[in-house]
N, C-alpha and C. Protein backbone atom coordinates (compact mmCIF):
# COMPACT_ATOMS: atom_id res chain seq x y z
N MET A 1 90.23 78.17 148.27
CA MET A 1 89.69 77.50 149.44
C MET A 1 90.67 76.37 150.00
N GLY A 2 91.21 75.68 149.05
CA GLY A 2 92.11 74.61 149.49
C GLY A 2 93.36 75.05 150.16
N CYS A 3 93.90 76.17 149.74
CA CYS A 3 95.13 76.77 150.40
C CYS A 3 94.80 77.26 151.77
N LYS A 4 93.67 77.88 151.98
CA LYS A 4 93.28 78.49 153.25
C LYS A 4 92.89 77.40 154.27
N TYR A 5 92.30 76.30 153.83
CA TYR A 5 91.78 75.30 154.73
C TYR A 5 92.33 73.90 154.33
N PRO A 6 93.60 73.68 154.33
CA PRO A 6 94.18 72.42 153.85
C PRO A 6 93.75 71.18 154.67
N ASP A 7 93.36 71.33 155.93
CA ASP A 7 92.97 70.25 156.77
C ASP A 7 91.49 69.83 156.50
N LEU A 8 90.83 70.62 155.73
CA LEU A 8 89.39 70.35 155.47
C LEU A 8 89.06 70.11 153.98
N VAL A 9 89.90 70.62 153.09
CA VAL A 9 89.49 70.67 151.67
C VAL A 9 90.39 69.80 150.81
N ASP A 10 89.70 69.14 149.87
CA ASP A 10 90.35 68.50 148.69
C ASP A 10 89.69 69.03 147.49
N LEU A 11 90.44 69.60 146.57
CA LEU A 11 89.94 70.18 145.29
C LEU A 11 90.53 69.36 144.21
N TYR A 12 89.68 68.82 143.31
CA TYR A 12 90.19 67.88 142.27
C TYR A 12 89.31 67.86 141.06
N GLU A 13 89.90 67.42 139.98
CA GLU A 13 89.15 67.24 138.71
C GLU A 13 88.49 65.90 138.69
N VAL A 14 87.19 65.78 138.34
CA VAL A 14 86.48 64.50 138.24
C VAL A 14 86.26 64.11 136.81
N GLY A 15 86.61 64.92 135.86
CA GLY A 15 86.44 64.58 134.48
C GLY A 15 86.48 65.78 133.58
N LYS A 16 86.11 65.62 132.36
CA LYS A 16 86.08 66.72 131.39
C LYS A 16 84.67 66.89 130.84
N SER A 17 84.33 68.09 130.50
CA SER A 17 83.05 68.40 129.85
C SER A 17 83.09 67.90 128.43
N TYR A 18 81.94 67.96 127.76
CA TYR A 18 81.85 67.59 126.36
C TYR A 18 82.78 68.46 125.52
N GLU A 19 82.94 69.73 125.95
CA GLU A 19 83.84 70.70 125.27
C GLU A 19 85.25 70.65 125.76
N GLY A 20 85.60 69.69 126.61
CA GLY A 20 86.95 69.50 127.07
C GLY A 20 87.41 70.28 128.27
N ARG A 21 86.50 71.04 128.91
CA ARG A 21 86.87 71.80 130.09
C ARG A 21 86.86 70.92 131.31
N PRO A 22 87.74 71.20 132.30
CA PRO A 22 87.76 70.35 133.49
C PRO A 22 86.50 70.55 134.36
N ILE A 23 85.98 69.47 134.91
CA ILE A 23 84.95 69.49 135.86
C ILE A 23 85.56 69.37 137.26
N ILE A 24 85.43 70.45 138.02
CA ILE A 24 86.15 70.52 139.35
C ILE A 24 85.17 70.25 140.46
N GLN A 25 85.65 69.45 141.47
CA GLN A 25 84.79 69.13 142.59
C GLN A 25 85.61 69.40 143.86
N ILE A 26 84.92 69.70 144.97
CA ILE A 26 85.55 69.97 146.20
C ILE A 26 84.91 69.06 147.31
N THR A 27 85.74 68.41 148.06
CA THR A 27 85.29 67.66 149.21
C THR A 27 85.73 68.40 150.50
N ILE A 28 84.78 68.60 151.37
CA ILE A 28 84.99 69.30 152.64
C ILE A 28 84.67 68.34 153.82
N THR A 29 85.69 68.07 154.59
CA THR A 29 85.50 67.24 155.74
C THR A 29 86.74 67.34 156.62
N ASN A 30 86.61 66.99 157.91
CA ASN A 30 87.73 66.95 158.85
C ASN A 30 88.50 65.64 158.45
N LYS A 31 89.76 65.77 157.98
CA LYS A 31 90.52 64.64 157.49
C LYS A 31 91.13 63.82 158.66
N LYS A 32 91.25 64.38 159.83
CA LYS A 32 91.97 63.68 160.94
C LYS A 32 91.28 62.39 161.38
N PRO A 33 89.93 62.29 161.50
CA PRO A 33 89.35 61.10 161.98
C PRO A 33 89.25 59.99 160.92
N GLY A 34 89.62 60.26 159.69
CA GLY A 34 89.62 59.23 158.67
C GLY A 34 89.41 59.79 157.27
N LYS A 35 89.61 58.93 156.27
CA LYS A 35 89.46 59.31 154.90
C LYS A 35 88.04 59.61 154.57
N ASP A 36 87.85 60.55 153.69
CA ASP A 36 86.47 60.92 153.29
C ASP A 36 85.76 59.76 152.56
N THR A 37 86.49 58.85 151.94
CA THR A 37 85.88 57.74 151.25
C THR A 37 85.38 56.68 152.19
N ASP A 38 85.76 56.77 153.47
CA ASP A 38 85.34 55.78 154.47
C ASP A 38 84.12 56.32 155.28
N LYS A 39 83.60 57.51 154.95
CA LYS A 39 82.48 58.08 155.63
C LYS A 39 81.28 58.26 154.70
N PRO A 40 80.05 58.17 155.23
CA PRO A 40 78.93 58.46 154.37
C PRO A 40 78.93 59.95 153.96
N ALA A 41 78.73 60.20 152.69
CA ALA A 41 78.85 61.55 152.18
C ALA A 41 77.51 62.21 151.84
N ALA A 42 77.56 63.55 151.77
CA ALA A 42 76.43 64.36 151.31
C ALA A 42 76.93 65.06 150.00
N PHE A 43 76.23 64.85 148.94
CA PHE A 43 76.64 65.41 147.60
C PHE A 43 75.73 66.53 147.20
N PHE A 44 76.32 67.69 146.84
CA PHE A 44 75.56 68.84 146.41
C PHE A 44 76.04 69.24 144.99
N GLU A 45 75.06 69.35 144.13
CA GLU A 45 75.42 69.61 142.72
C GLU A 45 74.76 70.87 142.21
N GLY A 46 75.47 71.66 141.54
CA GLY A 46 74.93 72.88 140.86
C GLY A 46 75.18 72.76 139.40
N GLY A 47 74.46 73.58 138.68
CA GLY A 47 74.69 73.65 137.20
C GLY A 47 74.40 72.31 136.46
N ARG A 48 73.33 71.70 136.84
CA ARG A 48 72.91 70.46 136.08
C ARG A 48 72.65 70.81 134.66
N HIS A 49 72.06 72.01 134.46
CA HIS A 49 71.88 72.49 133.10
C HIS A 49 72.75 73.70 132.95
N SER A 50 73.29 73.92 131.79
CA SER A 50 74.43 74.84 131.61
C SER A 50 74.15 76.28 131.98
N CYS A 51 72.94 76.75 131.93
CA CYS A 51 72.67 78.17 132.19
C CYS A 51 72.03 78.43 133.55
N GLU A 52 72.10 77.43 134.49
CA GLU A 52 71.55 77.60 135.81
C GLU A 52 72.59 78.28 136.71
N VAL A 53 72.59 79.57 136.67
CA VAL A 53 73.54 80.36 137.46
C VAL A 53 73.26 80.21 138.94
N THR A 54 72.03 80.30 139.36
CA THR A 54 71.68 80.25 140.78
C THR A 54 72.14 78.97 141.44
N THR A 55 71.91 77.79 140.86
CA THR A 55 72.33 76.55 141.47
C THR A 55 73.81 76.48 141.65
N SER A 56 74.58 76.94 140.69
CA SER A 56 76.02 76.96 140.78
C SER A 56 76.48 77.87 141.94
N GLU A 57 75.88 79.04 142.02
CA GLU A 57 76.20 79.99 143.11
C GLU A 57 75.82 79.42 144.51
N CYS A 58 74.72 78.66 144.61
CA CYS A 58 74.33 78.09 145.90
C CYS A 58 75.37 77.06 146.35
N VAL A 59 75.91 76.28 145.49
CA VAL A 59 76.93 75.29 145.84
C VAL A 59 78.20 76.03 146.35
N LEU A 60 78.58 77.11 145.66
CA LEU A 60 79.75 77.86 146.13
C LEU A 60 79.48 78.50 147.46
N TRP A 61 78.30 79.01 147.73
CA TRP A 61 77.94 79.60 149.00
C TRP A 61 78.00 78.55 150.07
N LEU A 62 77.44 77.34 149.78
CA LEU A 62 77.49 76.26 150.81
C LEU A 62 78.94 75.93 151.23
N ALA A 63 79.80 75.76 150.21
CA ALA A 63 81.21 75.48 150.52
C ALA A 63 81.85 76.56 151.38
N LYS A 64 81.61 77.82 151.01
CA LYS A 64 82.15 78.94 151.81
C LYS A 64 81.60 78.91 153.25
N TYR A 65 80.29 78.68 153.40
CA TYR A 65 79.66 78.69 154.65
C TYR A 65 80.24 77.57 155.52
N LEU A 66 80.36 76.35 155.00
CA LEU A 66 80.88 75.23 155.75
C LEU A 66 82.33 75.55 156.30
N LEU A 67 83.13 76.13 155.46
CA LEU A 67 84.49 76.40 155.82
C LEU A 67 84.60 77.54 156.85
N GLU A 68 83.80 78.63 156.66
CA GLU A 68 83.90 79.75 157.57
C GLU A 68 83.32 79.41 158.92
N LYS A 69 82.31 78.51 158.98
CA LYS A 69 81.64 78.21 160.28
C LYS A 69 82.27 77.05 161.01
N TYR A 70 83.17 76.32 160.33
CA TYR A 70 83.80 75.18 161.01
C TYR A 70 84.56 75.68 162.21
N GLY A 71 84.34 75.01 163.35
CA GLY A 71 85.03 75.44 164.59
C GLY A 71 84.26 76.51 165.38
N LYS A 72 83.25 77.09 164.74
CA LYS A 72 82.48 78.12 165.40
C LYS A 72 81.05 77.63 165.69
N ASP A 73 80.53 76.81 164.83
CA ASP A 73 79.21 76.22 165.05
C ASP A 73 79.41 74.78 165.46
N PRO A 74 79.06 74.43 166.73
CA PRO A 74 79.33 73.03 167.23
C PRO A 74 78.65 71.94 166.42
N THR A 75 77.46 72.17 165.95
CA THR A 75 76.77 71.10 165.11
C THR A 75 77.45 70.91 163.81
N LEU A 76 77.79 71.99 163.18
CA LEU A 76 78.47 71.90 161.89
C LEU A 76 79.88 71.28 162.05
N HIS A 77 80.49 71.59 163.17
CA HIS A 77 81.83 71.00 163.50
C HIS A 77 81.75 69.45 163.52
N ILE A 78 80.68 68.98 164.22
CA ILE A 78 80.49 67.50 164.31
C ILE A 78 80.13 66.91 162.98
N PHE A 79 79.26 67.58 162.18
CA PHE A 79 78.97 67.10 160.83
C PHE A 79 80.23 66.89 159.97
N LEU A 80 81.11 67.88 160.03
CA LEU A 80 82.31 67.77 159.18
C LEU A 80 83.34 66.76 159.70
N ILE A 81 83.19 66.34 160.95
CA ILE A 81 84.02 65.21 161.44
C ILE A 81 83.39 63.90 160.95
N LEU A 82 82.12 63.82 160.93
CA LEU A 82 81.45 62.54 160.62
C LEU A 82 81.19 62.29 159.14
N LYS A 83 81.11 63.39 158.38
CA LYS A 83 80.58 63.30 156.99
C LYS A 83 81.32 64.24 156.06
N PRO A 84 81.71 63.77 154.90
CA PRO A 84 82.23 64.67 153.89
C PRO A 84 81.11 65.35 153.10
N PHE A 85 81.24 66.63 152.79
CA PHE A 85 80.35 67.37 151.95
C PHE A 85 81.03 67.48 150.57
N ILE A 86 80.45 66.94 149.58
CA ILE A 86 81.02 66.93 148.26
C ILE A 86 80.26 67.98 147.42
N CYS A 87 80.93 68.91 146.91
CA CYS A 87 80.29 70.04 146.22
C CYS A 87 80.80 70.10 144.77
N ASN A 88 79.92 69.98 143.81
CA ASN A 88 80.25 70.15 142.43
C ASN A 88 79.43 71.29 141.87
N GLN A 89 80.16 72.31 141.50
CA GLN A 89 79.55 73.58 141.09
C GLN A 89 78.86 73.52 139.72
N LEU A 90 79.51 72.81 138.76
CA LEU A 90 79.06 72.94 137.40
C LEU A 90 79.28 71.58 136.69
N ILE A 91 78.19 70.83 136.47
CA ILE A 91 78.31 69.53 135.79
C ILE A 91 78.30 69.71 134.27
N ILE A 92 77.24 70.34 133.79
CA ILE A 92 77.07 70.51 132.36
C ILE A 92 77.53 71.92 131.99
N GLN A 93 78.62 72.06 131.20
CA GLN A 93 79.22 73.32 130.97
C GLN A 93 78.93 73.89 129.59
N MET A 94 78.23 73.14 128.77
CA MET A 94 78.04 73.62 127.35
C MET A 94 77.29 74.95 127.39
N GLY A 95 77.83 75.93 126.73
CA GLY A 95 77.21 77.24 126.59
C GLY A 95 77.49 78.22 127.68
N ILE A 96 78.06 77.70 128.79
CA ILE A 96 78.31 78.59 129.97
C ILE A 96 79.30 79.65 129.63
N ILE A 97 80.14 79.48 128.72
CA ILE A 97 81.17 80.45 128.37
C ILE A 97 80.49 81.74 127.80
N PHE A 98 79.29 81.62 127.32
CA PHE A 98 78.64 82.76 126.70
C PHE A 98 77.89 83.66 127.74
N LEU A 99 77.74 83.14 128.96
CA LEU A 99 77.00 83.92 129.99
C LEU A 99 77.79 85.13 130.41
């Protein structure tokens, strides 16, 4: 996602899980009007519990939707100028490797 939409996406590690795996987060916003940290943000979290597959998939779907509709949906276009959407797919990773 970051390579395809470099003007909208920041992909970064926010920490490590208990088992030492990276916790990856994505911030989606139009970077031209200002830094994402200077705007009020919306945070979406999936995988609060390690085996919640649906919540993790919903966060991925949201990120994909925001990026694909940017520039096509006027309301969404304005939202991404004014607000960063922070998506974290998987917070608690213990046991997820066995799914």
